[in-house]
PDB file of N, CA and C in Angstrom:
ATOM      1  N   MET A   1     -56.880 -42.696  64.129  1.00  0.00           N
ATOM      2  CA  MET A   1     -56.333 -43.798  65.322  1.00  0.00           C
ATOM      3  C   MET A   1     -55.599 -43.229  66.368  1.00  0.00           C
ATOM      4  N   PRO A   2     -55.998 -42.633  67.091  1.00  0.00           N
ATOM      5  CA  PRO A   2     -54.830 -42.230  68.102  1.00  0.00           C
ATOM      6  C   PRO A   2     -54.197 -43.536  69.057  1.00  0.00           C
ATOM      7  N   VAL A   3     -52.360 -43.616  69.048  1.00  0.00           N
ATOM      8  CA  VAL A   3     -51.627 -44.433  69.715  1.00  0.00           C
ATOM      9  C   VAL A   3     -51.744 -44.705  70.992  1.00  0.00           C
ATOM     10  N   LYS A   4     -51.789 -45.675  71.588  1.00  0.00           N
ATOM     11  CA  LYS A   4     -52.134 -45.316  73.266  1.00  0.00           C
ATOM     12  C   LYS A   4     -50.855 -45.403  74.006  1.00  0.00           C
ATOM     13  N   GLN A   5     -50.923 -44.034  74.631  1.00  0.00           N
ATOM     14  CA  GLN A   5     -49.361 -44.345  75.247  1.00  0.00           C
ATOM     15  C   GLN A   5     -49.106 -45.844  75.920  1.00  0.00           C
ATOM     16  N   SER A   6     -49.349 -47.053  76.466  1.00  0.00           N
ATOM     17  CA  SER A   6     -48.499 -48.093  76.724  1.00  0.00           C
ATOM     18  C   SER A   6     -48.360 -48.802  75.709  1.00  0.00           C
ATOM     19  N   GLU A   7     -48.574 -48.849  74.458  1.00  0.00           N
ATOM     20  CA  GLU A   7     -48.291 -48.806  72.712  1.00  0.00           C
ATOM     21  C   GLU A   7     -47.302 -48.247  72.194  1.00  0.00           C
ATOM     22  N   LEU A   8     -46.130 -47.163  72.351  1.00  0.00           N
ATOM     23  CA  LEU A   8     -46.034 -46.773  72.463  1.00  0.00           C
ATOM     24  C   LEU A   8     -44.475 -46.759  73.297  1.00  0.00           C
ATOM     25  N   GLU A   9     -44.918 -47.149  74.246  1.00  0.00           N
ATOM     26  CA  GLU A   9     -43.713 -47.105  75.407  1.00  0.00           C
ATOM     27  C   GLU A   9     -43.256 -48.714  75.244  1.00  0.00           C
ATOM     28  N   GLN A  10     -44.501 -49.778  74.166  1.00  0.00           N
ATOM     29  CA  GLN A  10     -44.226 -50.922  74.418  1.00  0.00           C
ATOM     30  C   GLN A  10     -43.133 -51.153  73.026  1.00  0.00           C
ATOM     31  N   VAL A  11     -43.002 -50.160  71.299  1.00  0.00           N
ATOM     32  CA  VAL A  11     -42.643 -49.632  71.034  1.00  0.00           C
ATOM     33  C   VAL A  11     -41.229 -49.904  71.511  1.00  0.00           C
ATOM     34  N   LYS A  12     -41.050 -48.799  72.697  1.00  0.00           N
ATOM     35  CA  LYS A  12     -39.607 -47.953  72.553  1.00  0.00           C
ATOM     36  C   LYS A  12     -39.260 -48.770  72.754  1.00  0.00           C
ATOM     37  N   GLU A  13     -39.811 -50.419  73.548  1.00  0.00           N
ATOM     38  CA  GLU A  13     -38.501 -50.866  74.600  1.00  0.00           C
ATOM     39  C   GLU A  13     -37.953 -51.694  73.553  1.00  0.00           C
ATOM     40  N   LEU A  14     -39.220 -52.570  72.800  1.00  0.00           N
ATOM     41  CA  LEU A  14     -38.702 -53.442  71.788  1.00  0.00           C
ATOM     42  C   LEU A  14     -37.730 -53.004  70.716  1.00  0.00           C
ATOM     43  N   LEU A  15     -37.937 -52.029  70.092  1.00  0.00           N
ATOM     44  CA  LEU A  15     -36.588 -50.531  69.862  1.00  0.00           C
ATOM     45  C   LEU A  15     -35.345 -50.890  69.915  1.00  0.00           C
ATOM     46  N   SER A  16     -35.891 -50.008  71.454  1.00  0.00           N
ATOM     47  CA  SER A  16     -34.536 -50.290  72.254  1.00  0.00           C
ATOM     48  C   SER A  16     -33.319 -51.666  72.430  1.00  0.00           C
ATOM     49  N   SER A  17     -34.344 -52.852  72.373  1.00  0.00           N
ATOM     50  CA  SER A  17     -34.138 -54.386  72.856  1.00  0.00           C
ATOM     51  C   SER A  17     -33.111 -54.223  71.367  1.00  0.00           C
ATOM     52  N   TYR A  18     -33.905 -54.432  69.965  1.00  0.00           N
ATOM     53  CA  TYR A  18     -33.650 -54.311  69.335  1.00  0.00           C
ATOM     54  C   TYR A  18     -31.867 -54.167  68.905  1.00  0.00           C
ATOM     55  N   MET A  19     -32.001 -52.509  69.087  1.00  0.00           N
ATOM     56  CA  MET A  19     -30.419 -51.613  68.987  1.00  0.00           C
ATOM     57  C   MET A  19     -29.050 -52.145  69.232  1.00  0.00           C
ATOM     58  N   ASP A  20     -30.075 -52.821  70.560  1.00  0.00           N
ATOM     59  CA  ASP A  20     -28.978 -53.937  72.200  1.00  0.00           C
ATOM     60  C   ASP A  20     -29.132 -54.786  71.358  1.00  0.00           C
ATOM     61  N   VAL A  21     -29.312 -55.459  70.831  1.00  0.00           N
ATOM     62  CA  VAL A  21     -29.169 -56.700  70.275  1.00  0.00           C
ATOM     63  C   VAL A  21     -27.815 -56.417  69.066  1.00  0.00           C
ATOM     64  N   GLN A  22     -28.514 -56.048  68.342  1.00  0.00           N
ATOM     65  CA  GLN A  22     -28.053 -55.203  67.003  1.00  0.00           C
ATOM     66  C   GLN A  22     -26.280 -54.899  67.578  1.00  0.00           C
ATOM     67  N   LYS A  23     -26.525 -53.836  68.325  1.00  0.00           N
ATOM     68  CA  LYS A  23     -24.499 -53.337  68.826  1.00  0.00           C
ATOM     69  C   LYS A  23     -23.557 -55.164  69.496  1.00  0.00           C
ATOM     70  N   ALA A  24     -24.355 -55.565  69.838  1.00  0.00           N
ATOM     71  CA  ALA A  24     -23.401 -56.574  71.160  1.00  0.00           C
ATOM     72  C   ALA A  24     -23.210 -57.816  69.619  1.00  0.00           C
ATOM     73  N   ILE A  25     -23.721 -57.383  68.363  1.00  0.00           N
ATOM     74  CA  ILE A  25     -23.760 -58.658  67.183  1.00  0.00           C
ATOM     75  C   ILE A  25     -22.477 -57.942  66.609  1.00  0.00           C
ATOM     76  N   LYS A  26     -22.865 -56.167  66.703  1.00  0.00           N
ATOM     77  CA  LYS A  26     -21.218 -55.897  65.528  1.00  0.00           C
ATOM     78  C   LYS A  26     -19.909 -55.711  66.469  1.00  0.00           C
ATOM     79  N   ARG A  27     -19.954 -55.523  67.947  1.00  0.00           N
ATOM     80  CA  ARG A  27     -18.743 -56.314  68.828  1.00  0.00           C
ATOM     81  C   ARG A  27     -18.300 -56.838  69.106  1.00  0.00           C
ATOM     82  N   LEU A  28     -18.923 -58.201  68.727  1.00  0.00           N
ATOM     83  CA  LEU A  28     -18.407 -59.100  69.202  1.00  0.00           C
ATOM     84  C   LEU A  28     -18.158 -59.939  67.833  1.00  0.00           C
ATOM     85  N   THR A  29     -18.741 -59.518  65.956  1.00  0.00           N
ATOM     86  CA  THR A  29     -17.965 -59.668  64.830  1.00  0.00           C
ATOM     87  C   THR A  29     -17.266 -59.200  64.944  1.00  0.00           C
ATOM     88  N   LYS A  30     -17.354 -57.541  65.785  1.00  0.00           N
ATOM     89  CA  LYS A  30     -14.892 -57.324  65.444  1.00  0.00           C
ATOM     90  C   LYS A  30     -14.150 -57.565  66.218  1.00  0.00           C
ATOM     91  N   GLU A  31     -14.523 -58.482  67.488  1.00  0.00           N
ATOM     92  CA  GLU A  31     -13.643 -58.821  68.328  1.00  0.00           C
ATOM     93  C   GLU A  31     -13.569 -60.295  67.234  1.00  0.00           C
ATOM     94  N   HIS A  32     -13.828 -60.996  67.315  1.00  0.00           N
ATOM     95  CA  HIS A  32     -13.818 -62.097  66.150  1.00  0.00           C
ATOM     96  C   HIS A  32     -13.054 -62.570  64.702  1.00  0.00           C
ATOM     97  N   GLN A  33     -13.380 -61.473  64.040  1.00  0.00           N
ATOM     98  CA  GLN A  33     -12.817 -60.918  62.382  1.00  0.00           C
ATOM     99  C   GLN A  33     -11.448 -61.525  62.192  1.00  0.00           C
ATOM    100  N   SER A  34     -10.114 -60.814  64.135  1.00  0.00           N
ATOM    101  CA  SER A  34      -8.559 -60.578  63.450  1.00  0.00           C
ATOM    102  C   SER A  34      -8.521 -61.844  63.172  1.00  0.00           C
ATOM    103  N   SER A  35      -9.240 -63.168  63.702  1.00  0.00           N
ATOM    104  CA  SER A  35      -9.325 -64.006  63.971  1.00  0.00           C
ATOM    105  C   SER A  35      -9.050 -64.945  62.503  1.00  0.00           C
ATOM    106  N   MET A  36      -9.722 -64.682  61.532  1.00  0.00           N
ATOM    107  CA  MET A  36      -9.905 -65.395  60.421  1.00  0.00           C
ATOM    108  C   MET A  36      -8.925 -64.611  59.049  1.00  0.00           C
ATOM    109  N   GLY A  37      -8.366 -62.872  59.684  1.00  0.00           N
ATOM    110  CA  GLY A  37      -7.068 -62.581  58.553  1.00  0.00           C
ATOM    111  C   GLY A  37      -7.869 -61.712  56.965  1.00  0.00           C
ATOM    112  N   ILE A  38      -9.174 -61.048  58.070  1.00  0.00           N
ATOM    113  CA  ILE A  38      -9.764 -60.088  57.417  1.00  0.00           C
ATOM    114  C   ILE A  38     -10.557 -59.209  58.654  1.00  0.00           C
ATOM    115  N   SER A  39     -10.722 -57.660  57.384  1.00  0.00           N
ATOM    116  CA  SER A  39     -10.657 -56.745  58.047  1.00  0.00           C
ATOM    117  C   SER A  39     -12.766 -57.207  58.137  1.00  0.00           C
ATOM    118  N   TYR A  40     -13.584 -56.259  59.712  1.00  0.00           N
ATOM    119  CA  TYR A  40     -14.804 -55.847  59.120  1.00  0.00           C
ATOM    120  C   TYR A  40     -15.160 -55.527  58.485  1.00  0.00           C
ATOM    121  N   GLU A  41     -14.747 -55.158  57.294  1.00  0.00           N
ATOM    122  CA  GLU A  41     -15.575 -54.222  56.337  1.00  0.00           C
ATOM    123  C   GLU A  41     -15.638 -55.645  54.891  1.00  0.00           C
ATOM    124  N   GLN A  42     -13.994 -56.736  55.198  1.00  0.00           N
ATOM    125  CA  GLN A  42     -13.690 -57.666  54.737  1.00  0.00           C
ATOM    126  C   GLN A  42     -15.117 -58.773  54.945  1.00  0.00           C
ATOM    127  N   LEU A  43     -15.429 -59.032  56.463  1.00  0.00           N
ATOM    128  CA  LEU A  43     -16.106 -59.620  56.793  1.00  0.00           C
ATOM    129  C   LEU A  43     -17.366 -59.387  56.351  1.00  0.00           C
ATOM    130  N   ARG A  44     -17.790 -58.002  56.464  1.00  0.00           N
ATOM    131  CA  ARG A  44     -19.670 -57.593  55.684  1.00  0.00           C
ATOM    132  C   ARG A  44     -19.572 -57.829  54.224  1.00  0.00           C
ATOM    133  N   ILE A  45     -18.729 -57.697  53.523  1.00  0.00           N
ATOM    134  CA  ILE A  45     -19.164 -58.000  52.599  1.00  0.00           C
ATOM    135  C   ILE A  45     -18.633 -59.514  51.827  1.00  0.00           C
ATOM    136  N   LEU A  46     -18.299 -60.014  53.320  1.00  0.00           N
ATOM    137  CA  LEU A  46     -18.254 -61.022  52.508  1.00  0.00           C
ATOM    138  C   LEU A  46     -19.911 -61.904  52.376  1.00  0.00           C
ATOM    139  N   LYS A  47     -20.725 -61.531  53.401  1.00  0.00           N
ATOM    140  CA  LYS A  47     -21.814 -61.774  53.591  1.00  0.00           C
ATOM    141  C   LYS A  47     -22.559 -61.605  53.057  1.00  0.00           C
ATOM    142  N   ASN A  48     -22.817 -60.133  52.563  1.00  0.00           N
ATOM    143  CA  ASN A  48     -23.294 -59.751  51.760  1.00  0.00           C
ATOM    144  C   ASN A  48     -23.125 -60.626  50.216  1.00  0.00           C
ATOM    145  N   LEU A  49     -22.296 -61.150  50.085  1.00  0.00           N
ATOM    146  CA  LEU A  49     -22.034 -62.137  48.705  1.00  0.00           C
ATOM    147  C   LEU A  49     -22.922 -62.681  49.398  1.00  0.00           C
ATOM    148  N   ARG A  50     -23.239 -63.221  49.928  1.00  0.00           N
ATOM    149  CA  ARG A  50     -23.371 -65.145  50.118  1.00  0.00           C
ATOM    150  C   ARG A  50     -25.088 -64.250  49.549  1.00  0.00           C
TER     151      ARG A  50
END
């Protein structure tokens, strides 16, 4: 079943939006992690442990 061009464009737009949100979250996390006195990598480890 072929994919319509409009559906493909919607998927591309959705993926782009998702990636933009992920980048923003990572940037904000990096900006605020120093207030906790830990590195970004340490924060990621703690997040994975919970």
